[in-house]
Amino acid sequence: MPVIEIIPWIITFVLLLSVLWIVLISWKNGISPMPASGLVRLAVIAEVQRIRGYSNIVEAGSGWGTLGLEVIRHCPGKRLTGIENSGIPLGFSRLFTLLYARLLPEKGAGEGLRKRVIFKRGDIYNYSYRNADIVLCYLFPGAMVRLAEKFRQQLPQGATVISVCFALPDRQPVRVITCKDRLRTKVYVYRY
C-alpha cells in the first residue's frame, strides 16, 4: 500500500485518539471544555473592565482559551494565567494565543498580548490563588463547591471572582448579570 493511501488512516486514527482523550479527561473532570458564547464573553469583559489598573487574572479551567484571550485583548494592563489539565484544549489555547498575537494587533494584542497571557497545565484545586486579583471560572457546581473554601483561604482582600453559570455556595454575589443569549446565562460577581 503506497504511503499516500495510509495518510488518511493515520489522520483518522489521530483524530479518534484525540477525541477519546478529551472524553476521558472530561469524564475525570466532570465536565468537558466548553467555550463561552460571545454575549457571555462581553459580559465578563465588562466586569473585568470595571476593575481599574493592573490586575493578575487567573482563569481556573481555561479550556480552549477563548474567554481569557478575549478578556485580555480588551483589557489593557491585565495579565492572565490560564490553568487547564486537559492537554488538547491547552495546546489549542496556546496556539490561539499565537494566532491572536499575529492576526489581531489592535487593542493591546500583538507582541504585548503574548507577554500578558500564559496558559499552563495544572490542577485548579491545587493551584495557589494568593496572587490573583481576579479569578474567572466557567466550571460546574461541584468545582465551585471545592473552590469556595480555597478562595476563602487564599484570595487577597479586594479580589474578585467572576463565575459563568454557577454560583459560589454560601456567598452572596455583589452582582448577577443575566446575558441576552439563548440560555439567559448568568454571570456571578463576588468580592473578597
C-alpha atoms as a PDB file:
ATOM      1  CA  MET A   1       0.000   0.000   0.000  1.00  0.00           C
ATOM      2  CA  PRO A   2       1.513   3.374  -1.003  1.00  0.00           C
ATOM      3  CA  VAL A   3       2.186   5.920   1.742  1.00  0.00           C
ATOM      4  CA  ILE A   4      -0.304   8.353   0.206  1.00  0.00           C
ATOM      5  CA  GLU A   5      -3.107   5.841   0.881  1.00  0.00           C
ATOM      6  CA  ILE A   6      -2.056   5.346   4.515  1.00  0.00           C
ATOM      7  CA  ILE A   7      -2.120   9.061   5.415  1.00  0.00           C
ATOM      8  CA  PRO A   8      -5.959   9.300   5.665  1.00  0.00           C
ATOM      9  CA  TRP A   9      -5.946   6.287   8.011  1.00  0.00           C
ATOM     10  CA  ILE A  10      -3.270   7.843  10.195  1.00  0.00           C
ATOM     11  CA  ILE A  11      -5.153  11.155  10.336  1.00  0.00           C
ATOM     12  CA  THR A  12      -8.386   9.335  11.225  1.00  0.00           C
ATOM     13  CA  PHE A  13      -6.618   7.359  13.955  1.00  0.00           C
ATOM     14  CA  VAL A  14      -5.042  10.508  15.458  1.00  0.00           C
ATOM     15  CA  LEU A  15      -8.392  12.332  15.406  1.00  0.00           C
ATOM     16  CA  LEU A  16     -10.176   9.421  17.078  1.00  0.00           C
ATOM     17  CA  LEU A  17      -7.431   9.166  19.684  1.00  0.00           C
ATOM     18  CA  SER A  18      -7.721  12.911  20.348  1.00  0.00           C
ATOM     19  CA  VAL A  19     -11.492  12.698  20.794  1.00  0.00           C
ATOM     20  CA  LEU A  20     -11.090   9.717  23.115  1.00  0.00           C
ATOM     21  CA  TRP A  21      -8.506  11.628  25.160  1.00  0.00           C
ATOM     22  CA  ILE A  22     -10.843  14.644  25.506  1.00  0.00           C
ATOM     23  CA  VAL A  23     -13.697  12.336  26.540  1.00  0.00           C
ATOM     24  CA  LEU A  24     -11.544  10.620  29.186  1.00  0.00           C
ATOM     25  CA  ILE A  25     -10.286  13.897  30.666  1.00  0.00           C
ATOM     26  CA  SER A  26     -13.834  15.304  30.562  1.00  0.00           C
ATOM     27  CA  TRP A  27     -15.104  12.258  32.415  1.00  0.00           C
ATOM     28  CA  LYS A  28     -12.366  12.673  35.031  1.00  0.00           C
ATOM     29  CA  ASN A  29     -13.080  16.414  35.413  1.00  0.00           C
ATOM     30  CA  GLY A  30     -16.850  16.025  35.460  1.00  0.00           C
ATOM     31  CA  ILE A  31     -17.254  18.486  32.580  1.00  0.00           C
ATOM     32  CA  SER A  32     -15.930  18.991  29.064  1.00  0.00           C
ATOM     33  CA  PRO A  33     -14.167  22.180  27.936  1.00  0.00           C
ATOM     34  CA  MET A  34     -16.943  24.471  26.742  1.00  0.00           C
ATOM     35  CA  PRO A  35     -16.352  27.800  25.004  1.00  0.00           C
ATOM     36  CA  ALA A  36     -18.378  30.746  26.315  1.00  0.00           C
ATOM     37  CA  SER A  37     -20.758  32.454  23.890  1.00  0.00           C
ATOM     38  CA  GLY A  38     -19.933  35.887  22.520  1.00  0.00           C
ATOM     39  CA  LEU A  39     -22.518  37.610  24.741  1.00  0.00           C
ATOM     40  CA  VAL A  40     -21.146  35.891  27.834  1.00  0.00           C
ATOM     41  CA  ARG A  41     -17.591  36.891  26.919  1.00  0.00           C
ATOM     42  CA  LEU A  42     -18.763  40.511  26.520  1.00  0.00           C
ATOM     43  CA  ALA A  43     -20.393  40.431  29.983  1.00  0.00           C
ATOM     44  CA  VAL A  44     -17.203  39.068  31.568  1.00  0.00           C
ATOM     45  CA  ILE A  45     -15.081  41.643  29.712  1.00  0.00           C
ATOM     46  CA  ALA A  46     -17.336  44.453  31.004  1.00  0.00           C
ATOM     47  CA  GLU A  47     -16.912  43.198  34.584  1.00  0.00           C
ATOM     48  CA  VAL A  48     -13.134  42.979  34.258  1.00  0.00           C
ATOM     49  CA  GLN A  49     -13.053  46.495  32.779  1.00  0.00           C
ATOM     50  CA  ARG A  50     -14.818  47.788  35.905  1.00  0.00           C
ATOM     51  CA  ILE A  51     -11.694  46.867  37.876  1.00  0.00           C
ATOM     52  CA  ARG A  52      -9.233  49.677  37.331  1.00  0.00           C
ATOM     53  CA  GLY A  53      -5.492  49.378  36.975  1.00  0.00           C
ATOM     54  CA  TYR A  54      -3.140  46.456  36.795  1.00  0.00           C
ATOM     55  CA  SER A  55      -4.544  43.035  37.688  1.00  0.00           C
ATOM     56  CA  ASN A  56      -3.414  39.425  37.734  1.00  0.00           C
ATOM     57  CA  ILE A  57      -6.214  37.299  36.338  1.00  0.00           C
ATOM     58  CA  VAL A  58      -6.334  33.540  36.840  1.00  0.00           C
ATOM     59  CA  GLU A  59      -8.725  31.550  34.690  1.00  0.00           C
ATOM     60  CA  ALA A  60      -9.499  28.355  36.586  1.00  0.00           C
ATOM     61  CA  GLY A  61     -10.122  25.705  33.946  1.00  0.00           C
ATOM     62  CA  SER A  62      -9.204  27.770  30.891  1.00  0.00           C
ATOM     63  CA  GLY A  63     -10.283  25.117  28.362  1.00  0.00           C
ATOM     64  CA  TRP A  64      -9.752  26.307  24.782  1.00  0.00           C
ATOM     65  CA  GLY A  65      -8.595  29.758  25.970  1.00  0.00           C
ATOM     66  CA  THR A  66     -11.252  31.782  24.163  1.00  0.00           C
ATOM     67  CA  LEU A  67     -12.667  33.542  27.246  1.00  0.00           C
ATOM     68  CA  GLY A  68      -9.299  34.525  28.702  1.00  0.00           C
ATOM     69  CA  LEU A  69      -7.898  35.704  25.377  1.00  0.00           C
ATOM     70  CA  GLU A  70     -10.902  37.921  24.689  1.00  0.00           C
ATOM     71  CA  VAL A  71     -10.705  39.395  28.177  1.00  0.00           C
ATOM     72  CA  ILE A  72      -7.003  40.219  27.832  1.00  0.00           C
ATOM     73  CA  ARG A  73      -7.461  41.561  24.329  1.00  0.00           C
ATOM     74  CA  HIS A  74      -9.994  44.116  25.594  1.00  0.00           C
ATOM     75  CA  CYS A  75      -8.461  44.892  28.994  1.00  0.00           C
ATOM     76  CA  PRO A  76      -5.068  46.618  28.778  1.00  0.00           C
ATOM     77  CA  GLY A  77      -2.976  46.426  31.922  1.00  0.00           C
ATOM     78  CA  LYS A  78      -4.245  42.979  32.867  1.00  0.00           C
ATOM     79  CA  ARG A  79      -2.267  39.723  32.829  1.00  0.00           C
ATOM     80  CA  LEU A  80      -3.819  36.259  32.521  1.00  0.00           C
ATOM     81  CA  THR A  81      -2.711  32.850  33.692  1.00  0.00           C
ATOM     82  CA  GLY A  82      -4.967  30.096  32.372  1.00  0.00           C
ATOM     83  CA  ILE A  83      -4.878  26.807  34.282  1.00  0.00           C
ATOM     84  CA  GLU A  84      -6.013  23.703  32.371  1.00  0.00           C
ATOM     85  CA  ASN A  85      -5.414  19.994  32.965  1.00  0.00           C
ATOM     86  CA  SER A  86      -6.535  18.695  29.565  1.00  0.00           C
ATOM     87  CA  GLY A  87      -3.656  18.655  27.077  1.00  0.00           C
ATOM     88  CA  ILE A  88      -5.564  19.076  23.814  1.00  0.00           C
ATOM     89  CA  PRO A  89      -7.556  22.201  24.786  1.00  0.00           C
ATOM     90  CA  LEU A  90      -4.400  23.545  26.462  1.00  0.00           C
ATOM     91  CA  GLY A  91      -2.472  23.107  23.210  1.00  0.00           C
ATOM     92  CA  PHE A  92      -5.210  24.907  21.291  1.00  0.00           C
ATOM     93  CA  SER A  93      -5.266  27.786  23.790  1.00  0.00           C
ATOM     94  CA  ARG A  94      -1.513  28.233  23.282  1.00  0.00           C
ATOM     95  CA  LEU A  95      -1.975  28.104  19.505  1.00  0.00           C
ATOM     96  CA  PHE A  96      -4.846  30.626  19.688  1.00  0.00           C
ATOM     97  CA  THR A  97      -2.556  32.952  21.677  1.00  0.00           C
ATOM     98  CA  LEU A  98      -0.010  32.885  18.854  1.00  0.00           C
ATOM     99  CA  LEU A  99      -2.727  33.432  16.238  1.00  0.00           C
ATOM    100  CA  TYR A 100      -4.277  36.324  18.178  1.00  0.00           C
ATOM    101  CA  ALA A 101      -0.860  37.938  18.532  1.00  0.00           C
ATOM    102  CA  ARG A 102      -0.263  37.741  14.768  1.00  0.00           C
ATOM    103  CA  LEU A 103      -3.739  38.441  13.407  1.00  0.00           C
ATOM    104  CA  LEU A 104      -5.210  40.892  15.912  1.00  0.00           C
ATOM    105  CA  PRO A 105      -2.637  43.599  16.549  1.00  0.00           C
ATOM    106  CA  GLU A 106      -5.202  46.148  17.807  1.00  0.00           C
ATOM    107  CA  LYS A 107      -6.268  46.690  21.421  1.00  0.00           C
ATOM    108  CA  GLY A 108      -3.055  45.615  23.091  1.00  0.00           C
ATOM    109  CA  ALA A 109      -2.720  42.351  21.214  1.00  0.00           C
ATOM    110  CA  GLY A 110       0.318  41.539  19.118  1.00  0.00           C
ATOM    111  CA  GLU A 111       3.596  41.076  20.973  1.00  0.00           C
ATOM    112  CA  GLY A 112       2.067  42.714  24.058  1.00  0.00           C
ATOM    113  CA  LEU A 113      -0.620  40.046  24.233  1.00  0.00           C
ATOM    114  CA  ARG A 114       1.930  37.220  24.197  1.00  0.00           C
ATOM    115  CA  LYS A 115       3.676  38.838  27.168  1.00  0.00           C
ATOM    116  CA  ARG A 116       0.419  39.190  29.110  1.00  0.00           C
ATOM    117  CA  VAL A 117      -1.005  35.674  28.609  1.00  0.00           C
ATOM    118  CA  ILE A 118       0.218  32.283  29.717  1.00  0.00           C
ATOM    119  CA  PHE A 119      -1.679  29.018  29.586  1.00  0.00           C
ATOM    120  CA  LYS A 120      -0.229  26.290  31.749  1.00  0.00           C
ATOM    121  CA  ARG A 121      -1.041  22.742  32.627  1.00  0.00           C
ATOM    122  CA  GLY A 122      -2.213  22.457  36.186  1.00  0.00           C
ATOM    123  CA  ASP A 123      -4.856  21.363  38.657  1.00  0.00           C
ATOM    124  CA  ILE A 124      -7.253  24.164  39.611  1.00  0.00           C
ATOM    125  CA  TYR A 125      -7.742  22.586  43.045  1.00  0.00           C
ATOM    126  CA  ASN A 126      -4.015  22.617  43.854  1.00  0.00           C
ATOM    127  CA  TYR A 127      -3.167  25.949  42.264  1.00  0.00           C
ATOM    128  CA  SER A 128      -2.381  28.879  44.590  1.00  0.00           C
ATOM    129  CA  TYR A 129      -4.728  31.849  44.125  1.00  0.00           C
ATOM    130  CA  ARG A 130      -2.805  34.057  46.620  1.00  0.00           C
ATOM    131  CA  ASN A 131      -1.605  36.481  43.895  1.00  0.00           C
ATOM    132  CA  ALA A 132      -4.855  36.602  41.930  1.00  0.00           C
ATOM    133  CA  ASP A 133      -6.690  39.900  41.734  1.00  0.00           C
ATOM    134  CA  ILE A 134      -9.405  38.367  39.556  1.00  0.00           C
ATOM    135  CA  VAL A 135     -10.425  34.731  39.111  1.00  0.00           C
ATOM    136  CA  LEU A 136     -12.510  33.702  36.092  1.00  0.00           C
ATOM    137  CA  CYS A 137     -14.492  30.462  36.310  1.00  0.00           C
ATOM    138  CA  TYR A 138     -16.692  28.643  33.822  1.00  0.00           C
ATOM    139  CA  LEU A 139     -16.855  25.339  35.625  1.00  0.00           C
ATOM    140  CA  PHE A 140     -19.663  23.269  37.216  1.00  0.00           C
ATOM    141  CA  PRO A 141     -21.361  23.195  40.640  1.00  0.00           C
ATOM    142  CA  GLY A 142     -19.052  20.553  42.156  1.00  0.00           C
ATOM    143  CA  ALA A 143     -15.963  22.555  41.189  1.00  0.00           C
ATOM    144  CA  MET A 144     -17.416  25.727  42.684  1.00  0.00           C
ATOM    145  CA  VAL A 145     -18.045  23.883  45.957  1.00  0.00           C
ATOM    146  CA  ARG A 146     -14.446  22.620  46.001  1.00  0.00           C
ATOM    147  CA  LEU A 147     -13.001  26.032  45.133  1.00  0.00           C
ATOM    148  CA  ALA A 148     -15.139  28.057  47.576  1.00  0.00           C
ATOM    149  CA  GLU A 149     -13.030  27.205  50.636  1.00  0.00           C
ATOM    150  CA  LYS A 150      -9.786  27.630  48.702  1.00  0.00           C
ATOM    151  CA  PHE A 151     -10.866  31.105  47.574  1.00  0.00           C
ATOM    152  CA  ARG A 152     -11.894  31.999  51.142  1.00  0.00           C
ATOM    153  CA  GLN A 153      -8.454  30.978  52.426  1.00  0.00           C
ATOM    154  CA  GLN A 154      -6.226  32.279  49.643  1.00  0.00           C
ATOM    155  CA  LEU A 155      -7.700  35.245  47.790  1.00  0.00           C
ATOM    156  CA  PRO A 156      -6.361  38.616  48.927  1.00  0.00           C
ATOM    157  CA  GLN A 157      -8.729  41.249  50.229  1.00  0.00           C
ATOM    158  CA  GLY A 158     -10.303  43.111  47.319  1.00  0.00           C
ATOM    159  CA  ALA A 159     -10.012  40.183  44.877  1.00  0.00           C
ATOM    160  CA  THR A 160     -12.900  39.474  42.510  1.00  0.00           C
ATOM    161  CA  VAL A 161     -14.300  36.144  41.340  1.00  0.00           C
ATOM    162  CA  ILE A 162     -16.343  36.163  38.129  1.00  0.00           C
ATOM    163  CA  SER A 163     -18.175  32.898  37.551  1.00  0.00           C
ATOM    164  CA  VAL A 164     -20.138  31.954  34.446  1.00  0.00           C
ATOM    165  CA  CYS A 165     -23.306  29.877  35.046  1.00  0.00           C
ATOM    166  CA  PHE A 166     -22.556  28.590  38.542  1.00  0.00           C
ATOM    167  CA  ALA A 167     -22.654  30.426  41.860  1.00  0.00           C
ATOM    168  CA  LEU A 168     -20.284  30.004  44.769  1.00  0.00           C
ATOM    169  CA  PRO A 169     -22.061  28.276  47.660  1.00  0.00           C
ATOM    170  CA  ASP A 170     -22.723  30.248  50.864  1.00  0.00           C
ATOM    171  CA  ARG A 171     -21.590  33.538  49.348  1.00  0.00           C
ATOM    172  CA  GLN A 172     -23.656  36.475  48.121  1.00  0.00           C
ATOM    173  CA  PRO A 173     -22.630  37.926  44.761  1.00  0.00           C
ATOM    174  CA  VAL A 174     -22.293  41.699  44.551  1.00  0.00           C
ATOM    175  CA  ARG A 175     -23.835  41.480  41.102  1.00  0.00           C
ATOM    176  CA  VAL A 176     -25.557  38.922  38.892  1.00  0.00           C
ATOM    177  CA  ILE A 177     -25.679  39.665  35.170  1.00  0.00           C
ATOM    178  CA  THR A 178     -28.190  37.827  33.015  1.00  0.00           C
ATOM    179  CA  CYS A 179     -26.874  37.670  29.458  1.00  0.00           C
ATOM    180  CA  LYS A 180     -29.188  38.041  26.479  1.00  0.00           C
ATOM    181  CA  ASP A 181     -28.074  34.769  24.892  1.00  0.00           C
ATOM    182  CA  ARG A 182     -30.458  31.895  24.184  1.00  0.00           C
ATOM    183  CA  LEU A 183     -29.751  30.275  27.554  1.00  0.00           C
ATOM    184  CA  ARG A 184     -30.050  33.520  29.567  1.00  0.00           C
ATOM    185  CA  THR A 185     -26.657  32.670  31.059  1.00  0.00           C
ATOM    186  CA  LYS A 186     -25.909  34.201  34.435  1.00  0.00           C
ATOM    187  CA  VAL A 187     -22.552  35.716  35.359  1.00  0.00           C
ATOM    188  CA  TYR A 188     -21.899  35.985  39.104  1.00  0.00           C
ATOM    189  CA  VAL A 189     -19.501  38.584  40.527  1.00  0.00           C
ATOM    190  CA  TYR A 190     -18.031  38.220  44.034  1.00  0.00           C
ATOM    191  CA  ARG A 191     -15.718  40.487  46.021  1.00  0.00           C
ATOM    192  CA  TYR A 192     -13.380  39.279  48.762  1.00  0.00           C
END
